[in-house]
């Protein structure tokens, strides 16, 4: 079984609005992406938010939520959100 890991952020502004990304395939999601070699989880999360939205974020490392799922057969994916 192949394992993948991604990190991202649940971005909430002071008006309590949540940032979602609308992907070309039609689905909505929080900004996230694969961890690159040598990156920490926080570095990945902030890089992915910047790449996908153009927004610089400050990460609250005290909030860390992990989920695991199978996006396709023989793959287990772990996603860490800050």
PDB file of N, CA and C in Angstrom:
ATOM      1  N   UNK A   1       0.850  -1.180   0.000  1.00  0.00           N
ATOM      2  CA  UNK A   1       0.000   0.000   0.000  1.00  0.00           C
ATOM      3  C   UNK A   1       0.893   1.239   0.000  1.00  0.00           C
ATOM      4  N   UNK A   2       0.629   2.161  -0.891  1.00  0.00           N
ATOM      5  CA  UNK A   2       1.382   3.410  -0.978  1.00  0.00           C
ATOM      6  C   UNK A   2       0.825   4.406   0.041  1.00  0.00           C
ATOM      7  N   UNK A   3       1.729   5.149   0.684  1.00  0.00           N
ATOM      8  CA  UNK A   3       1.309   6.180   1.629  1.00  0.00           C
ATOM      9  C   UNK A   3       1.710   7.549   1.110  1.00  0.00           C
ATOM     10  N   UNK A   4       0.809   8.511   1.235  1.00  0.00           N
ATOM     11  CA  UNK A   4       1.057   9.892   0.833  1.00  0.00           C
ATOM     12  C   UNK A   4       0.782  10.802   2.021  1.00  0.00           C
ATOM     13  N   UNK A   5       1.428  11.980   2.017  1.00  0.00           N
ATOM     14  CA  UNK A   5       1.177  12.945   3.081  1.00  0.00           C
ATOM     15  C   UNK A   5       1.070  14.338   2.491  1.00  0.00           C
ATOM     16  N   UNK A   6       0.044  15.053   2.895  1.00  0.00           N
ATOM     17  CA  UNK A   6      -0.157  16.438   2.495  1.00  0.00           C
ATOM     18  C   UNK A   6      -0.385  17.284   3.735  1.00  0.00           C
ATOM     19  N   UNK A   7      -0.131  18.588   3.602  1.00  0.00           N
ATOM     20  CA  UNK A   7      -0.391  19.527   4.689  1.00  0.00           C
ATOM     21  C   UNK A   7      -1.050  20.770   4.116  1.00  0.00           C
ATOM     22  N   UNK A   8      -1.885  21.398   4.926  1.00  0.00           N
ATOM     23  CA  UNK A   8      -2.552  22.606   4.490  1.00  0.00           C
ATOM     24  C   UNK A   8      -3.075  23.390   5.674  1.00  0.00           C
ATOM     25  N   UNK A   9      -3.884  24.385   5.355  1.00  0.00           N
ATOM     26  CA  UNK A   9      -4.423  25.255   6.398  1.00  0.00           C
ATOM     27  C   UNK A   9      -5.918  25.430   6.240  1.00  0.00           C
ATOM     28  N   UNK A  10      -6.586  25.544   7.367  1.00  0.00           N
ATOM     29  CA  UNK A  10      -7.967  25.997   7.415  1.00  0.00           C
ATOM     30  C   UNK A  10      -7.865  27.475   7.763  1.00  0.00           C
ATOM     31  N   UNK A  11      -8.039  28.306   6.750  1.00  0.00           N
ATOM     32  CA  UNK A  11      -7.822  29.748   6.895  1.00  0.00           C
ATOM     33  C   UNK A  11      -9.147  30.411   7.245  1.00  0.00           C
ATOM     34  N   UNK A  12      -9.155  31.109   8.380  1.00  0.00           N
ATOM     35  CA  UNK A  12     -10.358  31.807   8.856  1.00  0.00           C
ATOM     36  C   UNK A  12      -9.966  33.257   9.128  1.00  0.00           C
ATOM     37  N   UNK A  13     -10.721  34.189   8.542  1.00  0.00           N
ATOM     38  CA  UNK A  13     -10.397  35.598   8.781  1.00  0.00           C
ATOM     39  C   UNK A  13     -11.138  36.117  10.014  1.00  0.00           C
ATOM     40  N   UNK A  14     -10.940  37.391  10.337  1.00  0.00           N
ATOM     41  CA  UNK A  14     -11.549  37.957  11.543  1.00  0.00           C
ATOM     42  C   UNK A  14     -13.066  38.099  11.442  1.00  0.00           C
ATOM     43  N   UNK A  15     -13.617  37.920  10.245  1.00  0.00           N
ATOM     44  CA  UNK A  15     -15.081  37.920  10.074  1.00  0.00           C
ATOM     45  C   UNK A  15     -15.642  36.501  10.138  1.00  0.00           C
ATOM     46  N   UNK A  16     -14.762  35.538  10.489  1.00  0.00           N
ATOM     47  CA  UNK A  16     -15.110  34.118  10.600  1.00  0.00           C
ATOM     48  C   UNK A  16     -15.499  33.507   9.256  1.00  0.00           C
ATOM     49  N   UNK A  17     -14.930  34.043   8.168  1.00  0.00           N
ATOM     50  CA  UNK A  17     -15.116  33.469   6.842  1.00  0.00           C
ATOM     51  C   UNK A  17     -14.000  32.458   6.602  1.00  0.00           C
ATOM     52  N   UNK A  18     -14.338  31.348   5.960  1.00  0.00           N
ATOM     53  CA  UNK A  18     -13.387  30.271   5.721  1.00  0.00           C
ATOM     54  C   UNK A  18     -12.981  30.279   4.254  1.00  0.00           C
ATOM     55  N   UNK A  19     -11.677  30.115   4.007  1.00  0.00           N
ATOM     56  CA  UNK A  19     -11.138  30.093   2.654  1.00  0.00           C
ATOM     57  C   UNK A  19     -11.193  28.682   2.085  1.00  0.00           C
ATOM     58  N   UNK A  20     -11.828  28.545   0.914  1.00  0.00           N
ATOM     59  CA  UNK A  20     -11.853  27.279   0.187  1.00  0.00           C
ATOM     60  C   UNK A  20     -11.292  27.504  -1.208  1.00  0.00           C
ATOM     61  N   UNK A  21     -10.710  26.457  -1.776  1.00  0.00           N
ATOM     62  CA  UNK A  21     -10.173  26.493  -3.129  1.00  0.00           C
ATOM     63  C   UNK A  21     -11.104  25.685  -4.021  1.00  0.00           C
ATOM     64  N   UNK A  22     -11.496  26.272  -5.173  1.00  0.00           N
ATOM     65  CA  UNK A  22     -12.327  25.567  -6.144  1.00  0.00           C
ATOM     66  C   UNK A  22     -11.408  24.978  -7.209  1.00  0.00           C
ATOM     67  N   UNK A  23     -11.304  23.652  -7.228  1.00  0.00           N
ATOM     68  CA  UNK A  23     -10.387  22.964  -8.127  1.00  0.00           C
ATOM     69  C   UNK A  23     -10.997  22.800  -9.528  1.00  0.00           C
ATOM     70  N   UNK A  24     -10.130  22.637 -10.512  1.00  0.00           N
ATOM     71  CA  UNK A  24     -10.569  22.490 -11.904  1.00  0.00           C
ATOM     72  C   UNK A  24     -11.508  21.305 -12.101  1.00  0.00           C
ATOM     73  N   UNK A  25     -11.351  20.267 -11.311  1.00  0.00           N
ATOM     74  CA  UNK A  25     -12.220  19.090 -11.424  1.00  0.00           C
ATOM     75  C   UNK A  25     -13.588  19.327 -10.804  1.00  0.00           C
ATOM     76  N   UNK A  26     -13.783  20.519 -10.190  1.00  0.00           N
ATOM     77  CA  UNK A  26     -15.104  20.888  -9.695  1.00  0.00           C
ATOM     78  C   UNK A  26     -15.297  20.841  -8.196  1.00  0.00           C
ATOM     79  N   UNK A  27     -14.409  20.185  -7.475  1.00  0.00           N
ATOM     80  CA  UNK A  27     -14.605  20.073  -6.029  1.00  0.00           C
ATOM     81  C   UNK A  27     -13.979  21.254  -5.290  1.00  0.00           C
ATOM     82  N   UNK A  28     -14.447  21.463  -4.064  1.00  0.00           N
ATOM     83  CA  UNK A  28     -13.948  22.519  -3.176  1.00  0.00           C
ATOM     84  C   UNK A  28     -13.148  21.853  -2.057  1.00  0.00           C
ATOM     85  N   UNK A  29     -12.102  22.526  -1.596  1.00  0.00           N
ATOM     86  CA  UNK A  29     -11.269  21.952  -0.539  1.00  0.00           C
ATOM     87  C   UNK A  29     -10.489  23.072   0.148  1.00  0.00           C
ATOM     88  N   UNK A  30      -9.929  22.754   1.290  1.00  0.00           N
ATOM     89  CA  UNK A  30      -8.994  23.662   1.928  1.00  0.00           C
ATOM     90  C   UNK A  30      -7.684  23.613   1.140  1.00  0.00           C
ATOM     91  N   UNK A  31      -6.922  24.702   1.106  1.00  0.00           N
ATOM     92  CA  UNK A  31      -5.636  24.659   0.405  1.00  0.00           C
ATOM     93  C   UNK A  31      -4.683  23.685   1.098  1.00  0.00           C
ATOM     94  N   UNK A  32      -4.146  22.769   0.306  1.00  0.00           N
ATOM     95  CA  UNK A  32      -3.225  21.762   0.836  1.00  0.00           C
ATOM     96  C   UNK A  32      -2.424  21.172  -0.311  1.00  0.00           C
ATOM     97  N   UNK A  33      -1.335  20.463   0.034  1.00  0.00           N
ATOM     98  CA  UNK A  33      -0.538  19.808  -0.992  1.00  0.00           C
ATOM     99  C   UNK A  33       0.508  18.906  -0.392  1.00  0.00           C
ATOM    100  N   UNK A  34       1.181  18.190  -1.265  1.00  0.00           N
ATOM    101  CA  UNK A  34       2.164  17.199  -0.839  1.00  0.00           C
ATOM    102  C   UNK A  34       3.385  17.842  -0.179  1.00  0.00           C
ATOM    103  N   UNK A  35       3.893  17.137   0.812  1.00  0.00           N
ATOM    104  CA  UNK A  35       5.112  17.543   1.506  1.00  0.00           C
ATOM    105  C   UNK A  35       6.294  17.287   0.575  1.00  0.00           C
ATOM    106  N   UNK A  36       7.129  18.298   0.407  1.00  0.00           N
ATOM    107  CA  UNK A  36       8.340  18.142  -0.389  1.00  0.00           C
ATOM    108  C   UNK A  36       9.498  17.756   0.524  1.00  0.00           C
ATOM    109  N   UNK A  37      10.481  17.087  -0.036  1.00  0.00           N
ATOM    110  CA  UNK A  37      11.620  16.601   0.751  1.00  0.00           C
ATOM    111  C   UNK A  37      12.279  17.737   1.526  1.00  0.00           C
ATOM    112  N   UNK A  38      12.499  17.499   2.812  1.00  0.00           N
ATOM    113  CA  UNK A  38      13.167  18.470   3.668  1.00  0.00           C
ATOM    114  C   UNK A  38      12.252  19.507   4.288  1.00  0.00           C
ATOM    115  N   UNK A  39      10.968  19.507   3.938  1.00  0.00           N
ATOM    116  CA  UNK A  39      10.024  20.486   4.485  1.00  0.00           C
ATOM    117  C   UNK A  39       9.412  19.988   5.787  1.00  0.00           C
ATOM    118  N   UNK A  40       9.113  20.922   6.670  1.00  0.00           N
ATOM    119  CA  UNK A  40       8.310  20.600   7.843  1.00  0.00           C
ATOM    120  C   UNK A  40       6.838  20.669   7.436  1.00  0.00           C
ATOM    121  N   UNK A  41       5.979  20.186   8.305  1.00  0.00           N
ATOM    122  CA  UNK A  41       4.542  20.267   8.033  1.00  0.00           C
ATOM    123  C   UNK A  41       4.094  21.722   7.879  1.00  0.00           C
ATOM    124  N   UNK A  42       4.580  22.597   8.753  1.00  0.00           N
ATOM    125  CA  UNK A  42       4.194  24.009   8.705  1.00  0.00           C
ATOM    126  C   UNK A  42       4.706  24.666   7.422  1.00  0.00           C
ATOM    127  N   UNK A  43       5.927  24.367   7.027  1.00  0.00           N
ATOM    128  CA  UNK A  43       6.459  24.920   5.782  1.00  0.00           C
ATOM    129  C   UNK A  43       5.619  24.489   4.580  1.00  0.00           C
ATOM    130  N   UNK A  44       5.240  23.224   4.555  1.00  0.00           N
ATOM    131  CA  UNK A  44       4.390  22.732   3.469  1.00  0.00           C
ATOM    132  C   UNK A  44       3.055  23.454   3.457  1.00  0.00           C
ATOM    133  N   UNK A  45       2.438  23.558   4.628  1.00  0.00           N
ATOM    134  CA  UNK A  45       1.119  24.186   4.721  1.00  0.00           C
ATOM    135  C   UNK A  45       1.154  25.637   4.248  1.00  0.00           C
ATOM    136  N   UNK A  46       2.129  26.407   4.698  1.00  0.00           N
ATOM    137  CA  UNK A  46       2.188  27.819   4.297  1.00  0.00           C
ATOM    138  C   UNK A  46       2.544  27.961   2.819  1.00  0.00           C
ATOM    139  N   UNK A  47       3.425  27.110   2.316  1.00  0.00           N
ATOM    140  CA  UNK A  47       3.779  27.156   0.896  1.00  0.00           C
ATOM    141  C   UNK A  47       2.562  26.851   0.021  1.00  0.00           C
ATOM    142  N   UNK A  48       1.816  25.831   0.404  1.00  0.00           N
ATOM    143  CA  UNK A  48       0.651  25.441  -0.390  1.00  0.00           C
ATOM    144  C   UNK A  48      -0.424  26.525  -0.394  1.00  0.00           C
ATOM    145  N   UNK A  49      -0.662  27.151   0.747  1.00  0.00           N
ATOM    146  CA  UNK A  49      -1.647  28.249   0.782  1.00  0.00           C
ATOM    147  C   UNK A  49      -1.195  29.370  -0.147  1.00  0.00           C
ATOM    148  N   UNK A  50       0.083  29.715  -0.092  1.00  0.00           N
ATOM    149  CA  UNK A  50       0.612  30.788  -0.946  1.00  0.00           C
ATOM    150  C   UNK A  50       0.510  30.413  -2.426  1.00  0.00           C
ATOM    151  N   UNK A  51       0.884  29.188  -2.774  1.00  0.00           N
ATOM    152  CA  UNK A  51       0.831  28.751  -4.175  1.00  0.00           C
ATOM    153  C   UNK A  51      -0.597  28.720  -4.717  1.00  0.00           C
ATOM    154  N   UNK A  52      -1.533  28.241  -3.905  1.00  0.00           N
ATOM    155  CA  UNK A  52      -2.901  28.053  -4.389  1.00  0.00           C
ATOM    156  C   UNK A  52      -3.756  29.308  -4.310  1.00  0.00           C
ATOM    157  N   UNK A  53      -3.396  30.251  -3.431  1.00  0.00           N
ATOM    158  CA  UNK A  53      -4.274  31.407  -3.225  1.00  0.00           C
ATOM    159  C   UNK A  53      -3.567  32.751  -3.323  1.00  0.00           C
ATOM    160  N   UNK A  54      -2.240  32.769  -3.223  1.00  0.00           N
ATOM    161  CA  UNK A  54      -1.501  34.027  -3.208  1.00  0.00           C
ATOM    162  C   UNK A  54      -1.497  34.706  -1.847  1.00  0.00           C
ATOM    163  N   UNK A  55      -2.020  34.031  -0.832  1.00  0.00           N
ATOM    164  CA  UNK A  55      -2.146  34.611   0.507  1.00  0.00           C
ATOM    165  C   UNK A  55      -1.039  34.091   1.418  1.00  0.00           C
ATOM    166  N   UNK A  56      -0.407  35.006   2.157  1.00  0.00           N
ATOM    167  CA  UNK A  56       0.544  34.631   3.202  1.00  0.00           C
ATOM    168  C   UNK A  56      -0.237  34.428   4.496  1.00  0.00           C
ATOM    169  N   UNK A  57       0.013  33.323   5.177  1.00  0.00           N
ATOM    170  CA  UNK A  57      -0.711  33.039   6.417  1.00  0.00           C
ATOM    171  C   UNK A  57       0.258  32.842   7.574  1.00  0.00           C
ATOM    172  N   UNK A  58      -0.247  33.098   8.758  1.00  0.00           N
ATOM    173  CA  UNK A  58       0.467  32.809   9.991  1.00  0.00           C
ATOM    174  C   UNK A  58      -0.188  31.570  10.593  1.00  0.00           C
ATOM    175  N   UNK A  59       0.590  30.547  10.825  1.00  0.00           N
ATOM    176  CA  UNK A  59       0.062  29.260  11.278  1.00  0.00           C
ATOM    177  C   UNK A  59       0.004  29.198  12.792  1.00  0.00           C
ATOM    178  N   UNK A  60      -1.126  28.753  13.296  1.00  0.00           N
ATOM    179  CA  UNK A  60      -1.284  28.474  14.714  1.00  0.00           C
ATOM    180  C   UNK A  60      -0.965  26.990  14.911  1.00  0.00           C
ATOM    181  N   UNK A  61       0.264  26.712  15.348  1.00  0.00           N
ATOM    182  CA  UNK A  61       0.702  25.325  15.486  1.00  0.00           C
ATOM    183  C   UNK A  61       0.011  24.586  16.633  1.00  0.00           C
ATOM    184  N   UNK A  62      -0.701  25.303  17.489  1.00  0.00           N
ATOM    185  CA  UNK A  62      -1.446  24.653  18.576  1.00  0.00           C
ATOM    186  C   UNK A  62      -2.682  23.946  18.029  1.00  0.00           C
ATOM    187  N   UNK A  63      -3.166  24.413  16.864  1.00  0.00           N
ATOM    188  CA  UNK A  63      -4.283  23.744  16.203  1.00  0.00           C
ATOM    189  C   UNK A  63      -3.699  22.843  15.126  1.00  0.00           C
ATOM    190  N   UNK A  64      -3.812  21.539  15.297  1.00  0.00           N
ATOM    191  CA  UNK A  64      -3.302  20.563  14.328  1.00  0.00           C
ATOM    192  C   UNK A  64      -4.301  19.433  14.255  1.00  0.00           C
ATOM    193  N   UNK A  65      -4.877  19.235  13.078  1.00  0.00           N
ATOM    194  CA  UNK A  65      -5.885  18.200  12.870  1.00  0.00           C
ATOM    195  C   UNK A  65      -5.386  17.270  11.774  1.00  0.00           C
ATOM    196  N   UNK A  66      -5.438  15.975  12.016  1.00  0.00           N
ATOM    197  CA  UNK A  66      -4.984  14.990  11.045  1.00  0.00           C
ATOM    198  C   UNK A  66      -6.137  14.092  10.639  1.00  0.00           C
ATOM    199  N   UNK A  67      -6.208  13.818   9.347  1.00  0.00           N
ATOM    200  CA  UNK A  67      -7.193  12.876   8.831  1.00  0.00           C
ATOM    201  C   UNK A  67      -6.495  11.916   7.880  1.00  0.00           C
ATOM    202  N   UNK A  68      -7.026  10.722   7.781  1.00  0.00           N
ATOM    203  CA  UNK A  68      -6.490   9.711   6.857  1.00  0.00           C
ATOM    204  C   UNK A  68      -7.643   9.160   6.031  1.00  0.00           C
ATOM    205  N   UNK A  69      -7.374   8.939   4.763  1.00  0.00           N
ATOM    206  CA  UNK A  69      -8.385   8.367   3.881  1.00  0.00           C
ATOM    207  C   UNK A  69      -7.706   7.711   2.685  1.00  0.00           C
ATOM    208  N   UNK A  70      -8.495   7.015   1.892  1.00  0.00           N
ATOM    209  CA  UNK A  70      -7.984   6.346   0.701  1.00  0.00           C
ATOM    210  C   UNK A  70      -8.564   7.033  -0.534  1.00  0.00           C
ATOM    211  N   UNK A  71      -7.766   7.889  -1.209  1.00  0.00           N
ATOM    212  CA  UNK A  71      -8.275   8.599  -2.389  1.00  0.00           C
ATOM    213  C   UNK A  71      -8.424   7.693  -3.607  1.00  0.00           C
ATOM    214  N   UNK A  72      -7.700   6.581  -3.604  1.00  0.00           N
ATOM    215  CA  UNK A  72      -7.818   5.584  -4.666  1.00  0.00           C
ATOM    216  C   UNK A  72      -7.296   4.257  -4.142  1.00  0.00           C
ATOM    217  N   UNK A  73      -7.575   3.211  -4.871  1.00  0.00           N
ATOM    218  CA  UNK A  73      -7.199   1.876  -4.440  1.00  0.00           C
ATOM    219  C   UNK A  73      -5.696   1.786  -4.179  1.00  0.00           C
ATOM    220  N   UNK A  74      -5.326   1.136  -3.103  1.00  0.00           N
ATOM    221  CA  UNK A  74      -3.933   0.903  -2.709  1.00  0.00           C
ATOM    222  C   UNK A  74      -3.178   2.166  -2.305  1.00  0.00           C
ATOM    223  N   UNK A  75      -3.892   3.232  -1.941  1.00  0.00           N
ATOM    224  CA  UNK A  75      -3.244   4.459  -1.472  1.00  0.00           C
ATOM    225  C   UNK A  75      -3.910   4.898  -0.174  1.00  0.00           C
ATOM    226  N   UNK A  76      -3.091   5.166   0.832  1.00  0.00           N
ATOM    227  CA  UNK A  76      -3.570   5.770   2.081  1.00  0.00           C
ATOM    228  C   UNK A  76      -2.951   7.145   2.171  1.00  0.00           C
ATOM    229  N   UNK A  77      -3.783   8.151   2.383  1.00  0.00           N
ATOM    230  CA  UNK A  77      -3.303   9.531   2.434  1.00  0.00           C
ATOM    231  C   UNK A  77      -3.557  10.115   3.814  1.00  0.00           C
ATOM    232  N   UNK A  78      -2.521  10.728   4.367  1.00  0.00           N
ATOM    233  CA  UNK A  78      -2.646  11.465   5.617  1.00  0.00           C
ATOM    234  C   UNK A  78      -2.580  12.946   5.267  1.00  0.00           C
ATOM    235  N   UNK A  79      -3.528  13.722   5.807  1.00  0.00           N
ATOM    236  CA  UNK A  79      -3.530  15.154   5.599  1.00  0.00           C
ATOM    237  C   UNK A  79      -3.521  15.833   6.961  1.00  0.00           C
ATOM    238  N   UNK A  80      -2.570  16.762   7.125  1.00  0.00           N
ATOM    239  CA  UNK A  80      -2.449  17.532   8.358  1.00  0.00           C
ATOM    240  C   UNK A  80      -2.897  18.952   8.063  1.00  0.00           C
ATOM    241  N   UNK A  81      -3.859  19.435   8.823  1.00  0.00           N
ATOM    242  CA  UNK A  81      -4.335  20.816   8.689  1.00  0.00           C
ATOM    243  C   UNK A  81      -3.945  21.615   9.928  1.00  0.00           C
ATOM    244  N   UNK A  82      -3.558  22.847   9.693  1.00  0.00           N
ATOM    245  CA  UNK A  82      -3.311  23.805  10.763  1.00  0.00           C
ATOM    246  C   UNK A  82      -4.346  24.895  10.686  1.00  0.00           C
TER     247      UNK A  82
END
